[in-house]
C-alpha atoms as a PDB file:
ATOM      1  CA  MET A   1      -9.764   0.776 -18.363  1.00  0.00           C
ATOM      2  CA  LYS A   2      -7.627  -2.247 -17.645  1.00  0.00           C
ATOM      3  CA  LYS A   3      -9.346  -5.599 -17.259  1.00  0.00           C
ATOM      4  CA  VAL A   4      -9.166  -7.060 -13.757  1.00  0.00           C
ATOM      5  CA  ARG A   5      -7.328 -10.387 -13.944  1.00  0.00           C
ATOM      6  CA  ALA A   6      -7.464 -11.182 -10.264  1.00  0.00           C
ATOM      7  CA  THR A   7      -9.621 -13.992  -8.925  1.00  0.00           C
ATOM      8  CA  ASN A   8      -9.279 -13.076  -5.251  1.00  0.00           C
ATOM      9  CA  PRO A   9     -12.667 -11.561  -4.299  1.00  0.00           C
ATOM     10  CA  GLU A  10     -11.085  -9.219  -1.715  1.00  0.00           C
ATOM     11  CA  LEU A  11      -8.625  -7.931  -4.303  1.00  0.00           C
ATOM     12  CA  ILE A  12     -11.349  -7.385  -6.912  1.00  0.00           C
ATOM     13  CA  LYS A  13     -13.449  -5.486  -4.364  1.00  0.00           C
ATOM     14  CA  LEU A  14     -10.443  -3.320  -3.417  1.00  0.00           C
ATOM     15  CA  ILE A  15      -9.618  -2.512  -7.055  1.00  0.00           C
ATOM     16  CA  ARG A  16     -13.203  -1.448  -7.727  1.00  0.00           C
ATOM     17  CA  LEU A  17     -13.262   0.658  -4.561  1.00  0.00           C
ATOM     18  CA  LEU A  18      -9.997   2.382  -5.517  1.00  0.00           C
ATOM     19  CA  ARG A  19     -11.231   3.189  -9.025  1.00  0.00           C
ATOM     20  CA  LYS A  20     -14.543   4.520  -7.714  1.00  0.00           C
ATOM     21  CA  LYS A  21     -12.814   6.690  -5.102  1.00  0.00           C
ATOM     22  CA  SER A  22     -10.417   7.980  -7.747  1.00  0.00           C
ATOM     23  CA  GLN A  23     -13.288   9.112  -9.969  1.00  0.00           C
ATOM     24  CA  GLU A  24     -15.313  10.611  -7.108  1.00  0.00           C
ATOM     25  CA  SER A  25     -12.524  12.672  -5.602  1.00  0.00           C
ATOM     26  CA  GLU A  26     -10.529  13.129  -8.826  1.00  0.00           C
ATOM     27  CA  VAL A  27      -7.323  11.843  -7.270  1.00  0.00           C
ATOM     28  CA  GLU A  28      -4.822  10.005  -9.457  1.00  0.00           C
ATOM     29  CA  ILE A  29      -3.043   8.128  -6.665  1.00  0.00           C
ATOM     30  CA  TRP A  30      -5.964   5.746  -6.036  1.00  0.00           C
ATOM     31  CA  TYR A  31      -6.262   4.947  -9.745  1.00  0.00           C
ATOM     32  CA  TYR A  32      -2.501   4.280  -9.936  1.00  0.00           C
ATOM     33  CA  ILE A  33      -2.675   1.872  -6.986  1.00  0.00           C
ATOM     34  CA  ALA A  34      -5.701   0.115  -8.533  1.00  0.00           C
ATOM     35  CA  ASP A  35      -3.826  -0.211 -11.817  1.00  0.00           C
ATOM     36  CA  ARG A  36      -0.796  -1.759 -10.078  1.00  0.00           C
ATOM     37  CA  LEU A  37      -3.000  -4.200  -8.131  1.00  0.00           C
ATOM     38  CA  SER A  38      -4.855  -5.304 -11.260  1.00  0.00           C
ATOM     39  CA  SER A  39      -1.671  -6.457 -12.999  1.00  0.00           C
ATOM     40  CA  SER A  40      -0.817 -10.126 -13.334  1.00  0.00           C
ATOM     41  CA  ARG A  41       0.266 -12.114 -10.297  1.00  0.00           C
ATOM     42  CA  ARG A  42       3.789 -12.418 -11.688  1.00  0.00           C
ATOM     43  CA  ARG A  43       4.135  -8.626 -11.570  1.00  0.00           C
ATOM     44  CA  TYR A  44       2.841  -8.154  -8.010  1.00  0.00           C
ATOM     45  CA  ILE A  45       4.920  -5.766  -5.993  1.00  0.00           C
ATOM     46  CA  THR A  46       6.798  -6.910  -2.924  1.00  0.00           C
ATOM     47  CA  VAL A  47       8.671  -4.431  -0.768  1.00  0.00           C
ATOM     48  CA  ASN A  48      11.042  -5.329   2.048  1.00  0.00           C
ATOM     49  CA  VAL A  49      11.191  -3.405   5.313  1.00  0.00           C
ATOM     50  CA  SER A  50      14.761  -2.385   4.459  1.00  0.00           C
ATOM     51  CA  ARG A  51      13.503  -0.531   1.354  1.00  0.00           C
ATOM     52  CA  LEU A  52      10.878   1.248   3.454  1.00  0.00           C
ATOM     53  CA  ASN A  53      13.636   2.296   5.836  1.00  0.00           C
ATOM     54  CA  ARG A  54      15.881   3.511   3.010  1.00  0.00           C
ATOM     55  CA  TYR A  55      13.318   5.599   1.085  1.00  0.00           C
ATOM     56  CA  THR A  56      11.237   7.115   3.896  1.00  0.00           C
ATOM     57  CA  LYS A  57      11.687   9.575   6.734  1.00  0.00           C
ATOM     58  CA  GLU A  58      10.203   9.758  10.214  1.00  0.00           C
ATOM     59  CA  GLY A  59       6.405  10.078  10.223  1.00  0.00           C
ATOM     60  CA  GLU A  60       5.816   9.636   6.473  1.00  0.00           C
ATOM     61  CA  THR A  61       2.881   7.721   5.029  1.00  0.00           C
ATOM     62  CA  VAL A  62       3.618   5.062   2.413  1.00  0.00           C
ATOM     63  CA  ALA A  63       1.281   3.027   0.216  1.00  0.00           C
ATOM     64  CA  VAL A  64       2.458  -0.304  -1.189  1.00  0.00           C
ATOM     65  CA  PRO A  65       0.267  -1.789  -3.940  1.00  0.00           C
ATOM     66  CA  GLY A  66       1.261  -5.325  -2.991  1.00  0.00           C
ATOM     67  CA  LYS A  67       2.874  -7.084  -0.055  1.00  0.00           C
ATOM     68  CA  VAL A  68       5.362  -5.888   2.551  1.00  0.00           C
ATOM     69  CA  LEU A  69       7.985  -8.484   3.523  1.00  0.00           C
ATOM     70  CA  GLY A  70      10.149  -8.574   6.642  1.00  0.00           C
ATOM     71  CA  ALA A  71      13.721  -8.616   5.304  1.00  0.00           C
ATOM     72  CA  GLY A  72      15.877  -5.896   6.828  1.00  0.00           C
ATOM     73  CA  LYS A  73      15.550  -3.437   9.675  1.00  0.00           C
ATOM     74  CA  ILE A  74      13.592  -0.253  10.232  1.00  0.00           C
ATOM     75  CA  ASN A  75      14.760   2.419  12.646  1.00  0.00           C
ATOM     76  CA  HIS A  76      12.064   5.102  12.422  1.00  0.00           C
ATOM     77  CA  SER A  77       8.280   5.170  12.683  1.00  0.00           C
ATOM     78  CA  ILE A  78       6.211   5.337   9.502  1.00  0.00           C
ATOM     79  CA  ASN A  79       2.626   4.623   8.487  1.00  0.00           C
ATOM     80  CA  VAL A  80       2.439   1.838   5.913  1.00  0.00           C
ATOM     81  CA  ALA A  81      -0.679   0.911   3.957  1.00  0.00           C
ATOM     82  CA  ALA A  82      -0.519  -2.265   1.871  1.00  0.00           C
ATOM     83  CA  PHE A  83      -2.663  -5.054   0.489  1.00  0.00           C
ATOM     84  CA  ALA A  84      -0.835  -7.609   2.656  1.00  0.00           C
ATOM     85  CA  PHE A  85       1.895  -7.793   5.312  1.00  0.00           C
ATOM     86  CA  SER A  86       4.035 -10.723   6.353  1.00  0.00           C
ATOM     87  CA  ASP A  87       3.981 -11.420  10.088  1.00  0.00           C
ATOM     88  CA  GLN A  88       7.631 -10.451  10.428  1.00  0.00           C
ATOM     89  CA  ALA A  89       7.154  -7.158   8.564  1.00  0.00           C
ATOM     90  CA  ARG A  90       4.141  -6.241  10.678  1.00  0.00           C
ATOM     91  CA  SER A  91       6.031  -6.908  13.919  1.00  0.00           C
ATOM     92  CA  LYS A  92       9.092  -4.883  12.787  1.00  0.00           C
ATOM     93  CA  ILE A  93       6.980  -1.881  11.762  1.00  0.00           C
ATOM     94  CA  LEU A  94       5.007  -1.970  15.010  1.00  0.00           C
ATOM     95  CA  LYS A  95       8.210  -2.397  17.048  1.00  0.00           C
ATOM     96  CA  ALA A  96       9.535   0.806  15.446  1.00  0.00           C
ATOM     97  CA  LYS A  97       6.321   2.526  16.664  1.00  0.00           C
ATOM     98  CA  GLY A  98       4.875   2.706  13.152  1.00  0.00           C
ATOM     99  CA  LYS A  99       1.412   1.771  11.943  1.00  0.00           C
ATOM    100  CA  CYS A 100       0.253  -0.948   9.541  1.00  0.00           C
ATOM    101  CA  LEU A 101      -2.899   0.028   7.666  1.00  0.00           C
ATOM    102  CA  THR A 102      -5.005  -1.488   4.958  1.00  0.00           C
ATOM    103  CA  ILE A 103      -5.454   0.539   1.788  1.00  0.00           C
ATOM    104  CA  PRO A 104      -9.182   1.199   2.500  1.00  0.00           C
ATOM    105  CA  ASP A 105      -8.222   2.516   5.961  1.00  0.00           C
ATOM    106  CA  LEU A 106      -5.753   4.902   4.333  1.00  0.00           C
ATOM    107  CA  MET A 107      -8.446   6.088   1.915  1.00  0.00           C
ATOM    108  CA  LYS A 108     -10.786   6.833   4.840  1.00  0.00           C
ATOM    109  CA  LYS A 109      -8.092   8.717   6.777  1.00  0.00           C
ATOM    110  CA  ASN A 110      -6.754  10.613   3.751  1.00  0.00           C
ATOM    111  CA  PRO A 111      -9.342  10.744   0.906  1.00  0.00           C
ATOM    112  CA  LYS A 112      -7.287  13.187  -1.181  1.00  0.00           C
ATOM    113  CA  GLY A 113      -4.106  11.110  -0.885  1.00  0.00           C
ATOM    114  CA  ALA A 114      -2.106  14.116   0.275  1.00  0.00           C
ATOM    115  CA  ASP A 115       1.501  13.411   1.333  1.00  0.00           C
ATOM    116  CA  VAL A 116       1.295   9.706   0.491  1.00  0.00           C
ATOM    117  CA  LYS A 117       4.311   8.058  -1.139  1.00  0.00           C
ATOM    118  CA  VAL A 118       3.800   5.009  -3.336  1.00  0.00           C
ATOM    119  CA  LEU A 119       6.644   2.495  -3.202  1.00  0.00           C
ATOM    120  CA  GLY A 120       6.999  -0.395  -5.539  1.00  0.00           C
END
């Protein structure tokens, strides 16, 4: 198991929750997201709204193990779960009639991680 390098208490709590959920339900996606979040700060993932628009289709669910930034446009509704959202990204996703979720909310709605894309 990878050592958690983060000092943010919310991030540490989320990583532990993801690993526990992964073991309980035997789902690899939660462990993968926990592994990506526990990497060094320099390797944090940032995804722009334009990338979400390019690699998703209408109604898909996407998990981003990092932050979603607001560069670009989105022209279809998607459900996005991420550790953090910029204000601009949140407003663009909501304007396109999509949803912005936290990763724990996604785990509650979809414990098996079925039909969830991981971008980053």
